[in-house]
Protein backbone atom coordinates (compact mmCIF):
# COMPACT_ATOMS: atom_id res chain seq x y z
CA MET A 1 141.13 -147.28 -103.56
CA LYS A 2 139.81 -143.83 -102.63
CA LYS A 3 136.39 -142.31 -103.07
CA ALA A 4 136.29 -138.97 -104.87
CA VAL A 5 134.04 -136.12 -105.78
CA PHE A 6 135.31 -134.72 -109.08
CA LEU A 7 134.53 -131.01 -109.21
CA ASP A 8 134.10 -128.67 -112.12
CA ARG A 9 135.47 -125.17 -111.40
CA ASP A 10 133.52 -122.30 -113.01
CA GLY A 11 129.88 -122.28 -111.96
CA THR A 12 130.53 -124.96 -109.33
CA ILE A 13 133.13 -123.58 -106.88
CA ASN A 14 133.44 -120.05 -108.25
CA GLU A 15 131.04 -117.83 -110.16
CA ASP A 16 131.14 -118.33 -113.92
CA VAL A 17 132.18 -114.95 -115.31
CA GLY A 18 133.46 -116.18 -118.67
CA HIS A 19 137.05 -117.10 -119.49
CA ILE A 20 139.05 -116.21 -116.39
CA THR A 21 142.33 -114.76 -117.58
CA ASP A 22 143.07 -112.76 -114.42
CA PRO A 23 143.02 -114.33 -110.94
CA GLN A 24 141.28 -111.18 -109.67
CA MET A 25 138.20 -112.39 -111.55
CA PHE A 26 137.64 -115.31 -109.16
CA GLU A 27 134.61 -114.95 -106.90
CA LEU A 28 133.82 -118.00 -104.78
CA ILE A 29 130.21 -119.18 -104.69
CA PRO A 30 128.92 -118.81 -101.11
CA GLY A 31 129.04 -122.13 -99.28
CA SER A 32 131.36 -123.86 -101.75
CA ILE A 33 134.40 -123.98 -99.45
CA ASP A 34 132.36 -125.34 -96.53
CA ALA A 35 130.80 -127.93 -98.86
CA MET A 36 134.23 -129.07 -100.01
CA ASN A 37 135.40 -129.37 -96.42
CA ARG A 38 132.37 -131.49 -95.49
CA LEU A 39 133.35 -133.88 -98.29
CA ARG A 40 136.91 -134.01 -96.98
CA VAL A 41 135.69 -134.84 -93.46
CA ALA A 42 133.61 -137.66 -94.98
CA GLY A 43 136.78 -139.09 -96.59
CA TYR A 44 136.43 -137.91 -100.18
CA ILE A 45 139.30 -136.60 -102.25
CA LEU A 46 138.51 -133.67 -104.57
CA PRO A 47 140.11 -133.60 -108.03
CA LEU A 48 139.38 -130.48 -110.08
CA ILE A 49 138.17 -131.33 -113.61
CA THR A 50 137.86 -128.32 -115.92
CA ASN A 51 137.49 -127.61 -119.64
CA GLN A 52 139.60 -124.55 -120.44
CA ALA A 53 138.96 -123.79 -124.10
CA GLY A 54 140.22 -120.23 -123.64
CA VAL A 55 143.65 -121.68 -124.41
CA GLY A 56 142.40 -123.42 -127.53
CA ARG A 57 140.65 -120.27 -128.69
CA GLY A 58 143.82 -118.21 -128.28
CA LEU A 59 142.54 -116.08 -125.36
CA MET A 60 145.52 -117.14 -123.22
CA THR A 61 148.53 -119.39 -123.41
CA GLU A 62 148.67 -122.71 -121.60
CA GLN A 63 151.39 -121.27 -119.35
CA HIS A 64 149.09 -118.35 -118.48
CA LEU A 65 146.28 -120.81 -117.72
CA GLN A 66 148.56 -122.71 -115.36
CA THR A 67 149.35 -119.44 -113.55
CA VAL A 68 145.60 -118.73 -113.21
CA LEU A 69 144.91 -122.28 -111.98
CA TYR A 70 147.73 -121.99 -109.44
CA ALA A 71 146.20 -118.73 -108.19
CA PHE A 72 142.83 -120.50 -107.86
CA VAL A 73 144.41 -123.28 -105.81
CA ARG A 74 146.04 -120.68 -103.52
CA LEU A 75 142.71 -118.82 -103.24
CA ILE A 76 140.77 -121.86 -102.05
CA GLU A 77 143.62 -122.89 -99.74
CA ALA A 78 143.51 -119.42 -98.16
CA ALA A 79 139.73 -119.86 -97.80
CA GLY A 80 140.29 -123.14 -95.96
CA THR A 81 140.22 -126.10 -98.35
CA LYS A 82 142.12 -127.73 -101.21
CA VAL A 83 141.78 -129.86 -104.31
CA ASP A 84 143.62 -133.12 -104.96
CA GLY A 85 145.06 -132.39 -108.35
CA VAL A 86 144.04 -130.11 -111.19
CA TYR A 87 143.07 -131.64 -114.52
CA TYR A 88 142.26 -129.40 -117.46
CA CYS A 89 141.55 -129.69 -121.17
CA PRO A 90 142.83 -126.79 -123.33
CA HIS A 91 141.31 -128.07 -126.59
CA HIS A 92 138.29 -127.02 -128.62
CA PRO A 93 137.17 -129.15 -131.60
CA GLU A 94 135.73 -126.29 -133.69
CA GLU A 95 137.20 -123.03 -132.43
CA GLY A 96 140.64 -124.21 -131.40
CA ILE A 97 143.77 -122.78 -132.99
CA GLY A 98 146.73 -124.88 -134.12
CA VAL A 99 147.40 -127.97 -132.01
CA TYR A 100 144.49 -127.03 -129.75
CA LYS A 101 141.90 -127.56 -132.50
CA GLN A 102 141.13 -131.22 -132.03
CA GLU A 103 138.66 -133.84 -130.93
CA CYS A 104 140.27 -135.25 -127.83
CA GLY A 105 139.53 -137.74 -125.11
CA CYS A 106 139.97 -135.19 -122.33
CA ARG A 107 137.39 -132.50 -123.13
CA LYS A 108 134.17 -133.13 -121.24
CA PRO A 109 131.85 -134.89 -122.10
CA ALA A 110 134.71 -137.35 -122.74
CA PRO A 111 135.90 -139.00 -119.51
CA GLY A 112 139.65 -138.58 -120.10
CA MET A 113 140.38 -136.13 -117.28
CA LEU A 114 138.45 -138.27 -114.78
CA GLU A 115 140.27 -141.38 -115.98
CA LYS A 116 143.65 -139.66 -115.62
CA ALA A 117 142.79 -138.50 -112.09
CA THR A 118 141.58 -142.02 -111.25
CA GLU A 119 144.89 -143.48 -112.42
CA ASP A 120 146.99 -140.83 -110.65
CA LEU A 121 145.10 -140.87 -107.34
CA GLY A 122 143.87 -144.46 -107.01
CA ILE A 123 140.15 -143.66 -107.16
CA ASP A 124 137.30 -146.18 -107.01
CA LEU A 125 134.82 -144.77 -109.54
CA SER A 126 131.97 -146.96 -108.29
CA VAL A 127 131.80 -144.92 -105.06
CA SER A 128 132.64 -141.56 -106.62
CA TYR A 129 130.72 -138.58 -108.01
CA MET A 130 131.13 -135.85 -110.65
CA VAL A 131 129.59 -132.46 -109.83
CA GLY A 132 129.21 -129.56 -112.25
CA ASP A 133 126.95 -126.98 -113.84
CA HIS A 134 127.18 -128.23 -117.45
CA TRP A 135 125.47 -131.21 -119.00
CA THR A 136 128.91 -132.27 -120.26
CA ASP A 137 129.94 -132.72 -116.60
CA VAL A 138 127.12 -135.23 -116.14
CA LEU A 139 127.98 -137.07 -119.34
CA ALA A 140 131.70 -137.22 -118.48
CA GLY A 141 131.01 -138.54 -114.98
CA ASN A 142 128.62 -141.18 -116.28
CA ALA A 143 131.06 -142.21 -119.03
CA ALA A 144 133.81 -142.62 -116.43
CA GLY A 145 131.58 -144.85 -114.29
CA CYS A 146 130.62 -142.61 -111.40
CA ARG A 147 127.35 -140.91 -110.42
CA SER A 148 126.86 -137.36 -111.65
CA ILE A 149 125.16 -134.31 -110.17
CA LEU A 150 124.05 -131.28 -112.18
CA LEU A 151 123.97 -127.92 -110.40
CA ARG A 152 121.59 -125.00 -110.86
CA THR A 153 124.48 -122.56 -110.40
CA GLY A 154 126.50 -121.12 -113.30
CA HIS A 155 125.24 -122.49 -116.61
CA GLY A 156 122.98 -125.01 -114.86
CA PRO A 157 119.64 -123.20 -115.37
CA ARG A 158 120.28 -122.83 -119.13
CA GLU A 159 121.41 -126.43 -119.41
CA ILE A 160 118.35 -127.73 -117.56
CA ALA A 161 115.98 -125.61 -119.67
CA LYS A 162 117.18 -127.15 -122.93
CA LEU A 163 117.07 -130.80 -121.79
CA THR A 164 114.14 -133.20 -121.76
CA GLU A 165 112.99 -135.00 -118.62
CA GLU A 166 114.36 -138.21 -120.10
CA GLU A 167 117.77 -136.64 -120.67
CA LEU A 168 117.81 -135.14 -117.18
CA SER A 169 117.02 -138.54 -115.69
CA VAL A 170 120.57 -139.74 -116.39
CA ALA A 171 121.86 -137.33 -113.73
CA ALA A 172 121.87 -139.00 -110.33
CA TYR A 173 120.65 -135.72 -108.78
CA ILE A 174 120.03 -132.08 -109.64
CA ALA A 175 121.03 -129.70 -106.85
CA ASP A 176 120.64 -125.96 -106.31
CA ASP A 177 124.34 -125.59 -105.53
CA LEU A 178 127.41 -127.47 -104.35
CA ALA A 179 126.25 -127.36 -100.73
CA GLU A 180 122.99 -129.15 -101.61
CA ALA A 181 124.89 -131.64 -103.77
CA VAL A 182 127.10 -132.45 -100.80
CA ASP A 183 124.02 -132.90 -98.57
CA TRP A 184 122.71 -135.44 -101.08
CA ILE A 185 126.06 -137.26 -101.43
CA LEU A 186 126.39 -137.60 -97.67
CA GLU A 187 122.79 -138.89 -97.43
CA GLN A 188 123.71 -141.63 -99.91
CA GLU A 189 126.31 -142.89 -97.44
CA GLY A 190 123.54 -143.39 -94.88
């Protein structure tokens, strides 16, 4: 069984600029590639776990999303790292159109994408982490059985501002960015 750090995309690895429909919109957050590589050196695999409701809302087709995701994978590979699988949810329960308007088990905060990655990649959730800038990332990670870290990048500051101390306490850690989250994860290993 492998240990993993499940990573959200927008606001975690790249700047959150809204629904990314053009690969030219990607802007990597400083330090994110180095942080990912430090996790790799420590033996973690890195599945990408991302809600992509732009498909559900009709802003792009699922095929277009796959083209954008492929461009993102090439971008981070050119920058010097990689992810171990891309898992996305195209649904939205209220604003989805057609088959994409549904309550599903894959849209975070549900743990479906993490569970699928765990099955595909042979992950031990008890030694794994979920990192993201949305409260739904924390809830999905916890529901899957791993420890979750909330970032202050992307939507993180708005998310933190609307939560109580008690709610925030279910996150294993709150970090300024992915680099600090990785520092904390590596400290946990001793």
